[in-house]
Amino acid sequence: MNKREFVKTIGAVSLSTMVAPFKTFGTNNTKKVLVLGGRGFMGPSIVASFLDSGYDVTLLNRGKTNPHLFSNLPIIICDREKEDKQGLKSIDKKFKEIHWDIVVDTWQKSPKAVADFLDVFKGSFDHYHYISTVSVYDKWDKKFIEETEPLNPLPAFPEKIESEFRYAIRKTLAEVAIGERIENYTIYRSHGMKDFRVTDPKDANDEPFWPVRFFRGGEILLPKVKNHHIQVTDVKSLTNFIVHCSETKTFGAYNIACNPTPFKDYVSALIHATGVPEKLHWIEGEFLMEHGLEPYKIVPLWKPRPAGSYYFNVQKAISAGFVHRPLVEMVTDQINGYKSRYPKDDVKFGEMIDGNMTKYYSARKEKDVIAKWLAG
């Protein structure tokens, strides 16, 4: 199958797991999982789900990110960012001779690293899982986009690891590389992943705004917008589905998120997770924009355009066994993760920190806009 045909047809953690006791590799008939990465981004949640389900897990990474996590698990030290597959070629022979039941890959940098791994390990695994994104779709100009919709137009595939492509193009190129090399894969096109963890625990910009805001309570500003829906991906639900697809040998590409959900229902989940705030101020969207509170970048989970935002069709995944747990459980995990990272609750939104502006909007800005709204 050539690249153009593939683009058209690809659609047709608990604490105990973080310190799991070491298992000598290959001593039983337990299925063997190789997680590429495993200690950053959503990697720890993937590892935890497989460990909780009784799998033998081995990590493949550089050994530099969060080395305290899963320190008792087998690890293959490998730098996938080395050119000419040098990092992959340097892997110890004993690991190259293993046949893996499952490989899970979250790579989002150069798609060449995805292609290189598959070139070296093709034939050495039964089922390859790749974490992708709904950003691979070319147009978001309509609601309920399915997996059969066209993907992004692409440049020539990069010959080097380093590339300047934006995130959506890197992910699309990676999907193409997968489809050109193997058939035994599952691709998960996620939509705004939410987890106990964050991408970088040292970066306040990664912290979940709405869960933290409701956790703090007081008087809360909310956008009053007609037909305001949200759609997110709970990482725990996603990792459970990865395990499910592994066990049922489910292949193909899937949109992975909750169903489009009214924003007011999301607010109800926030209240259930945190307690009733002092007061909610539902303020007209146009008024918010007039006072600098723009959708999405400044006010999260409010994205009126393009039309497909927060309206992706997830029925194919549901039919295959995907279950998105209640939003209140997802929000509770996010809050518990935040409290574990910032026990003093000292993250500041929308303010200058070390010369850089943080995301969303500040408590001062929120109070100011509420006061102006009430003043009429």
Protein backbone atom coordinates (compact mmCIF):
# COMPACT_ATOMS: atom_id res chain seq x y z
CA MET A 1 0.00 0.00 0.00
CA ASN A 2 1.45 3.38 -0.95
CA LYS A 3 1.36 6.49 1.22
CA ARG A 4 -1.59 8.12 -0.54
CA GLU A 5 -3.71 4.96 -0.29
CA PHE A 6 -2.87 4.60 3.38
CA VAL A 7 -3.91 8.17 4.19
CA LYS A 8 -7.27 7.50 2.57
CA THR A 9 -7.97 4.07 4.07
CA ILE A 10 -6.46 3.90 7.55
CA GLY A 11 -9.80 4.72 9.14
CA ALA A 12 -11.55 1.45 6.89
CA VAL A 13 -1.72 4.24 38.59
CA SER A 14 -1.59 2.98 41.81
CA LEU A 15 1.48 3.54 44.10
CA SER A 16 2.09 -0.19 44.31
CA THR A 17 2.65 -0.45 40.58
CA MET A 18 5.24 2.32 40.67
CA VAL A 19 7.44 0.12 42.87
CA ALA A 20 6.43 -3.26 41.49
CA PRO A 21 8.74 -6.09 42.59
CA PHE A 22 11.26 -7.15 39.96
CA LYS A 23 10.27 -10.12 37.79
CA THR A 24 13.11 -12.09 36.22
CA PHE A 25 12.33 -11.89 32.55
CA GLY A 26 11.02 -14.99 30.76
CA THR A 27 10.46 -17.21 33.79
CA ASN A 28 6.78 -17.92 33.04
CA ASN A 29 4.20 -17.81 30.31
CA THR A 30 2.98 -14.30 31.16
CA LYS A 31 2.67 -12.12 28.08
CA LYS A 32 5.63 -9.85 27.48
CA VAL A 33 5.08 -6.12 26.94
CA LEU A 34 7.71 -3.68 25.68
CA VAL A 35 6.84 -0.05 26.46
CA LEU A 36 8.86 2.49 24.50
CA GLY A 37 9.47 5.23 27.04
CA GLY A 38 7.28 4.43 30.02
CA ARG A 39 8.47 7.05 32.50
CA GLY A 40 7.17 10.30 31.04
CA PHE A 41 3.97 11.73 29.59
CA MET A 42 1.33 8.95 29.78
CA GLY A 43 3.95 6.19 29.90
CA PRO A 44 3.61 5.49 33.64
CA SER A 45 -0.15 5.06 33.27
CA ILE A 46 0.38 2.56 30.44
CA VAL A 47 2.93 0.60 32.46
CA ALA A 48 0.66 0.60 35.51
CA SER A 49 -2.31 -0.73 33.53
CA PHE A 50 -0.33 -3.65 32.13
CA LEU A 51 1.24 -4.46 35.50
CA ASP A 52 -2.17 -4.35 37.18
CA SER A 53 -3.42 -6.77 34.50
CA GLY A 54 -0.64 -9.27 35.22
CA TYR A 55 1.72 -8.68 32.27
CA ASP A 56 5.52 -8.76 32.31
CA VAL A 57 6.64 -5.25 31.35
CA THR A 58 10.02 -4.14 30.04
CA LEU A 59 10.91 -0.50 29.33
CA LEU A 60 12.96 0.86 26.45
CA ASN A 61 14.27 4.38 26.99
CA ARG A 62 17.39 6.44 27.65
CA GLY A 63 17.19 5.95 31.41
CA LYS A 64 17.12 9.71 32.01
CA THR A 65 13.45 10.70 32.52
CA ASN A 66 12.03 9.95 35.98
CA PRO A 67 14.50 7.09 36.65
CA HIS A 68 12.89 6.56 40.08
CA LEU A 69 9.72 5.21 38.43
CA PHE A 70 9.56 1.43 37.92
CA SER A 71 13.21 1.13 38.93
CA ASN A 72 12.75 -2.61 39.52
CA LEU A 73 11.46 -3.37 36.03
CA PRO A 74 13.77 -4.62 33.26
CA ILE A 75 14.98 -1.75 31.10
CA ILE A 76 16.61 -1.60 27.69
CA ILE A 77 18.78 1.50 27.53
CA CYS A 78 18.36 2.96 24.05
CA ASP A 79 18.37 6.45 22.53
CA ARG A 80 15.94 6.38 19.60
CA GLU A 81 17.02 9.86 18.56
CA LYS A 82 20.39 8.71 17.23
CA GLU A 83 20.71 8.85 13.47
CA ASP A 84 21.16 5.77 11.28
CA LYS A 85 19.47 3.57 13.91
CA GLN A 86 22.67 3.61 16.00
CA GLY A 87 20.76 3.60 19.29
CA LEU A 88 18.62 0.66 18.23
CA LYS A 89 21.59 -1.23 16.80
CA SER A 90 23.42 -0.97 20.14
CA ILE A 91 20.71 -2.88 22.05
CA ASP A 92 22.03 -5.95 23.85
CA LYS A 93 21.67 -9.16 21.84
CA LYS A 94 19.62 -10.89 24.56
CA PHE A 95 16.83 -8.35 24.11
CA LYS A 96 16.91 -8.57 20.32
CA GLU A 97 16.22 -12.29 20.54
CA ILE A 98 13.03 -11.84 22.57
CA HIS A 99 9.67 -12.06 20.83
CA TRP A 100 7.36 -9.48 22.37
CA ASP A 101 3.62 -10.08 22.58
CA ILE A 102 2.93 -6.36 22.77
CA VAL A 103 4.78 -3.12 21.98
CA VAL A 104 3.37 0.26 23.04
CA ASP A 105 4.73 3.48 21.56
CA THR A 106 3.79 7.07 22.46
CA TRP A 107 6.48 8.78 20.35
CA GLN A 108 5.55 12.28 19.18
CA LYS A 109 8.83 13.77 18.01
CA SER A 110 10.41 12.73 14.73
CA PRO A 111 8.36 10.10 12.85
CA LYS A 112 11.71 8.74 11.63
CA ALA A 113 12.21 7.27 15.10
CA VAL A 114 8.94 5.36 14.73
CA ALA A 115 9.97 4.07 11.30
CA ASP A 116 13.45 3.12 12.55
CA PHE A 117 12.06 1.06 15.42
CA LEU A 118 9.71 -0.82 13.12
CA ASP A 119 12.47 -1.45 10.59
CA VAL A 120 14.67 -2.99 13.29
CA PHE A 121 12.01 -4.86 15.30
CA LYS A 122 9.61 -5.91 12.53
CA GLY A 123 8.78 -9.58 13.05
CA SER A 124 9.77 -9.43 16.73
CA PHE A 125 6.31 -8.61 18.12
CA ASP A 126 2.68 -9.66 17.72
CA HIS A 127 0.82 -6.39 18.34
CA TYR A 128 2.02 -2.79 18.06
CA HIS A 129 0.07 0.04 19.74
CA TYR A 130 0.62 3.69 18.85
CA ILE A 131 -0.76 6.71 20.72
CA SER A 132 -1.78 9.30 18.15
CA THR A 133 -4.15 12.28 18.09
CA VAL A 134 -7.27 13.59 16.39
CA SER A 135 -4.98 16.31 15.02
CA VAL A 136 -4.08 13.91 12.21
CA TYR A 137 -7.37 14.80 10.47
CA ASP A 138 -7.02 17.33 7.69
CA LYS A 139 -10.24 19.27 8.33
CA TRP A 140 -12.29 19.84 11.47
CA ASP A 141 -15.01 21.67 9.57
CA LYS A 142 -17.89 19.40 10.61
CA LYS A 143 -19.10 17.57 13.68
CA PHE A 144 -18.70 13.85 14.35
CA ILE A 145 -15.58 13.14 12.32
CA GLU A 146 -15.04 9.41 11.89
CA GLU A 147 -11.84 7.43 11.38
CA THR A 148 -12.41 7.29 7.61
CA GLU A 149 -11.97 11.06 7.16
CA PRO A 150 -8.88 12.20 5.17
CA LEU A 151 -5.68 12.79 7.10
CA ASN A 152 -3.36 15.78 6.79
CA PRO A 153 -1.60 16.37 3.46
CA LEU A 154 2.02 15.43 4.03
CA PRO A 155 5.51 16.52 2.98
CA ALA A 156 8.12 13.97 2.00
CA PHE A 157 8.99 11.59 4.81
CA PRO A 158 12.03 12.90 6.71
CA GLU A 159 15.38 11.23 6.14
CA LYS A 160 16.73 12.43 9.48
CA ILE A 161 15.53 12.15 13.07
CA GLU A 162 15.49 15.91 13.46
CA SER A 163 12.58 17.64 11.72
CA GLU A 164 10.77 20.95 11.96
CA PHE A 165 7.27 19.62 11.36
CA ARG A 166 4.48 20.64 13.70
CA TYR A 167 2.97 18.09 16.09
CA ALA A 168 0.00 17.12 13.88
CA ILE A 169 2.23 16.44 10.87
CA ARG A 170 4.70 14.41 12.94
CA LYS A 171 1.90 12.21 14.23
CA THR A 172 0.37 11.79 10.76
CA LEU A 173 3.74 10.86 9.27
CA ALA A 174 4.21 8.33 12.07
CA GLU A 175 0.84 6.76 11.29
CA VAL A 176 1.84 6.48 7.63
CA ALA A 177 5.16 4.87 8.59
CA ILE A 178 3.28 2.30 10.66
CA GLY A 179 0.76 1.49 7.93
CA GLU A 180 3.49 1.04 5.33
CA ARG A 181 5.46 -1.42 7.45
CA ILE A 182 3.08 -3.62 9.45
CA GLU A 183 -0.54 -4.77 9.64
CA ASN A 184 -0.75 -5.86 13.28
CA TYR A 185 -1.22 -2.42 14.84
CA THR A 186 -3.77 -0.38 16.77
CA ILE A 187 -3.74 3.42 16.61
CA TYR A 188 -5.43 5.52 19.31
CA ARG A 189 -6.38 9.05 18.18
CA SER A 190 -6.81 10.83 21.48
CA HIS A 191 -8.40 14.21 22.14
CA GLY A 192 -6.96 16.28 25.00
CA MET A 193 -5.59 13.67 27.43
CA LYS A 194 -6.27 14.13 31.15
CA ASP A 195 -4.47 12.16 33.83
CA PHE A 196 -3.23 12.02 37.42
CA ARG A 197 0.11 12.94 35.90
CA VAL A 198 1.00 15.87 33.65
CA THR A 199 3.47 16.08 30.78
CA ASP A 200 6.05 17.96 32.84
CA PRO A 201 5.45 18.02 36.61
CA LYS A 202 7.69 21.07 36.91
CA ASP A 203 5.66 23.16 34.46
CA ALA A 204 2.65 24.97 35.91
CA ASN A 205 1.33 25.42 32.38
CA ASP A 206 0.55 21.71 32.29
CA GLU A 207 -1.65 21.81 35.39
CA PRO A 208 -5.41 21.29 34.84
CA PHE A 209 -7.05 24.69 35.13
CA TRP A 210 -10.71 23.85 35.81
CA PRO A 211 -10.10 21.07 38.38
CA VAL A 212 -7.63 23.30 40.24
CA ARG A 213 -9.98 26.29 40.05
CA PHE A 214 -12.89 24.34 41.54
CA PHE A 215 -10.62 22.77 44.14
CA ARG A 216 -9.81 26.29 45.33
CA GLY A 217 -13.48 27.25 45.52
CA GLY A 218 -14.75 30.81 46.05
CA GLU A 219 -16.56 32.73 43.31
CA ILE A 220 -15.92 31.16 39.93
CA LEU A 221 -16.28 32.69 36.47
CA LEU A 222 -17.77 30.43 33.78
CA PRO A 223 -18.48 31.03 30.08
CA LYS A 224 -22.18 31.15 29.23
CA VAL A 225 -22.20 29.93 25.65
CA LYS A 226 -24.99 28.32 23.60
CA ASN A 227 -24.42 24.64 22.79
CA HIS A 228 -21.13 24.62 24.68
CA HIS A 229 -19.76 21.08 24.68
CA ILE A 230 -16.43 19.59 25.70
CA GLN A 231 -14.65 16.37 24.82
CA VAL A 232 -11.57 14.95 26.50
CA THR A 233 -9.69 11.67 26.84
CA ASP A 234 -9.29 10.11 30.25
CA VAL A 235 -5.87 8.44 30.22
CA LYS A 236 -6.89 5.64 32.59
CA SER A 237 -9.79 4.76 30.29
CA LEU A 238 -7.43 4.86 27.31
CA THR A 239 -4.86 2.59 28.94
CA ASN A 240 -7.60 0.14 29.94
CA PHE A 241 -8.64 0.04 26.28
CA ILE A 242 -5.06 -0.60 25.18
CA VAL A 243 -4.97 -3.66 27.44
CA HIS A 244 -8.40 -4.70 26.14
CA CYS A 245 -7.27 -4.41 22.51
CA SER A 246 -4.17 -6.44 23.36
CA GLU A 247 -6.25 -9.23 24.85
CA THR A 248 -8.87 -9.25 22.08
CA LYS A 249 -6.41 -8.65 19.20
CA THR A 250 -8.32 -5.57 18.12
CA PHE A 251 -6.56 -3.74 15.28
CA GLY A 252 -7.16 -0.52 13.35
CA ALA A 253 -7.47 3.21 14.09
CA TYR A 254 -9.83 4.57 16.76
CA ASN A 255 -10.94 8.00 17.97
CA ILE A 256 -10.57 7.86 21.76
CA ALA A 257 -12.44 10.31 24.01
CA CYS A 258 -15.61 10.72 25.98
CA ASN A 259 -18.75 11.46 24.02
CA PRO A 260 -19.35 15.20 23.38
CA THR A 261 -20.53 16.44 26.77
CA PRO A 262 -22.38 19.65 27.72
CA PHE A 263 -20.03 21.97 29.59
CA LYS A 264 -22.60 22.24 32.39
CA ASP A 265 -22.33 18.48 32.91
CA TYR A 266 -18.57 18.85 33.18
CA VAL A 267 -19.10 21.59 35.76
CA SER A 268 -21.36 19.21 37.70
CA ALA A 269 -18.53 16.66 37.73
CA LEU A 270 -16.15 19.34 39.04
CA ILE A 271 -18.58 20.21 41.83
CA HIS A 272 -19.04 16.55 42.80
CA ALA A 273 -15.27 16.12 42.92
CA THR A 274 -14.50 19.25 44.93
CA GLY A 275 -17.60 20.48 46.76
CA VAL A 276 -20.01 23.32 46.06
CA PRO A 277 -18.19 26.63 45.41
CA GLU A 278 -19.26 29.89 47.01
CA LYS A 279 -20.90 31.07 43.79
CA LEU A 280 -20.86 30.42 40.05
CA HIS A 281 -20.96 33.42 37.71
CA TRP A 282 -22.15 32.35 34.25
CA ILE A 283 -21.00 35.23 32.03
CA GLU A 284 -21.86 35.71 28.36
CA GLY A 285 -19.09 34.60 26.01
CA GLU A 286 -19.08 37.87 24.07
CA PHE A 287 -18.55 39.81 27.30
CA LEU A 288 -15.62 37.58 28.21
CA MET A 289 -14.00 38.12 24.83
CA GLU A 290 -14.50 41.88 25.08
CA HIS A 291 -12.48 41.77 28.29
CA GLY A 292 -9.62 39.66 26.97
CA LEU A 293 -10.81 36.20 27.98
CA GLU A 294 -10.54 34.52 24.59
CA PRO A 295 -11.72 30.95 23.99
CA TYR A 296 -9.35 27.99 24.33
CA LYS A 297 -5.96 29.53 25.06
CA ILE A 298 -7.24 31.84 27.79
CA VAL A 299 -10.46 30.05 28.79
CA PRO A 300 -9.83 26.30 28.49
CA LEU A 301 -12.37 23.80 27.13
CA TRP A 302 -14.19 26.53 25.21
CA LYS A 303 -13.49 26.25 21.49
CA PRO A 304 -16.33 27.43 19.23
CA ARG A 305 -14.33 26.97 16.01
CA PRO A 306 -13.65 24.92 14.01
CA ALA A 307 -17.00 23.13 14.10
CA GLY A 308 -15.54 19.68 14.75
CA SER A 309 -13.76 20.67 17.97
CA TYR A 310 -14.97 18.52 20.89
CA TYR A 311 -17.36 16.65 18.58
CA PHE A 312 -15.38 13.67 17.31
CA ASN A 313 -17.27 10.44 16.70
CA VAL A 314 -16.08 7.73 19.13
CA GLN A 315 -18.66 5.05 18.37
CA LYS A 316 -16.17 2.77 16.61
CA ALA A 317 -14.09 2.57 19.79
CA ILE A 318 -17.16 2.07 21.99
CA SER A 319 -18.28 -0.80 19.75
CA ALA A 320 -14.81 -2.33 20.15
CA GLY A 321 -15.06 -2.21 23.95
CA PHE A 322 -13.85 1.25 24.94
CA VAL A 323 -15.45 2.59 28.12
CA HIS A 324 -14.78 6.15 29.22
CA ARG A 325 -15.19 6.26 32.98
CA PRO A 326 -17.30 9.02 34.62
CA LEU A 327 -15.79 12.49 34.37
CA VAL A 328 -15.98 12.93 38.14
CA GLU A 329 -13.48 10.06 38.54
CA MET A 330 -11.16 11.59 35.96
CA VAL A 331 -11.38 15.03 37.63
CA THR A 332 -10.73 13.52 41.05
CA ASP A 333 -7.55 11.89 39.73
CA GLN A 334 -6.42 15.19 38.24
CA ILE A 335 -6.96 17.00 41.54
CA ASN A 336 -5.15 14.32 43.55
CA GLY A 337 -2.26 14.51 41.10
CA TYR A 338 -2.11 18.28 41.46
CA LYS A 339 -2.16 18.10 45.26
CA SER A 340 0.66 15.56 45.23
CA ARG A 341 2.81 17.85 43.06
CA TYR A 342 1.87 21.11 44.77
CA PRO A 343 0.92 20.39 48.42
CA LYS A 344 1.00 24.15 49.08
CA ASP A 345 -1.46 24.82 46.22
CA ASP A 346 0.83 27.56 44.98
CA VAL A 347 0.48 27.33 41.20
CA LYS A 348 -0.35 30.70 39.67
CA PHE A 349 -2.30 30.93 36.43
CA GLY A 350 -2.08 33.86 34.02
CA GLU A 351 0.83 35.65 35.68
CA MET A 352 4.44 36.38 34.81
CA ILE A 353 6.78 33.77 36.29
CA ASP A 354 10.52 33.91 35.54
CA GLY A 355 9.81 36.27 32.67
CA ASN A 356 7.22 34.02 31.02
CA MET A 357 3.44 34.35 31.01
CA THR A 358 1.63 31.28 32.31
CA LYS A 359 -1.48 29.96 30.58
CA TYR A 360 -5.14 30.74 31.18
CA TYR A 361 -6.07 33.70 33.37
CA SER A 362 -5.18 34.98 36.82
CA ALA A 363 -7.34 35.15 39.94
CA ARG A 364 -7.05 38.93 39.73
CA LYS A 365 -8.36 38.97 36.16
CA GLU A 366 -11.24 36.69 37.11
CA LYS A 367 -12.32 38.97 39.97
CA ASP A 368 -12.06 42.03 37.75
CA VAL A 369 -14.26 40.56 34.99
CA ILE A 370 -16.84 39.29 37.49
CA ALA A 371 -17.03 42.77 39.06
CA LYS A 372 -17.52 44.42 35.66
CA TRP A 373 -20.22 41.89 34.74
CA LEU A 374 -22.13 42.49 37.97
CA ALA A 375 -21.84 46.25 37.56
CA GLY A 376 -23.73 45.93 34.28
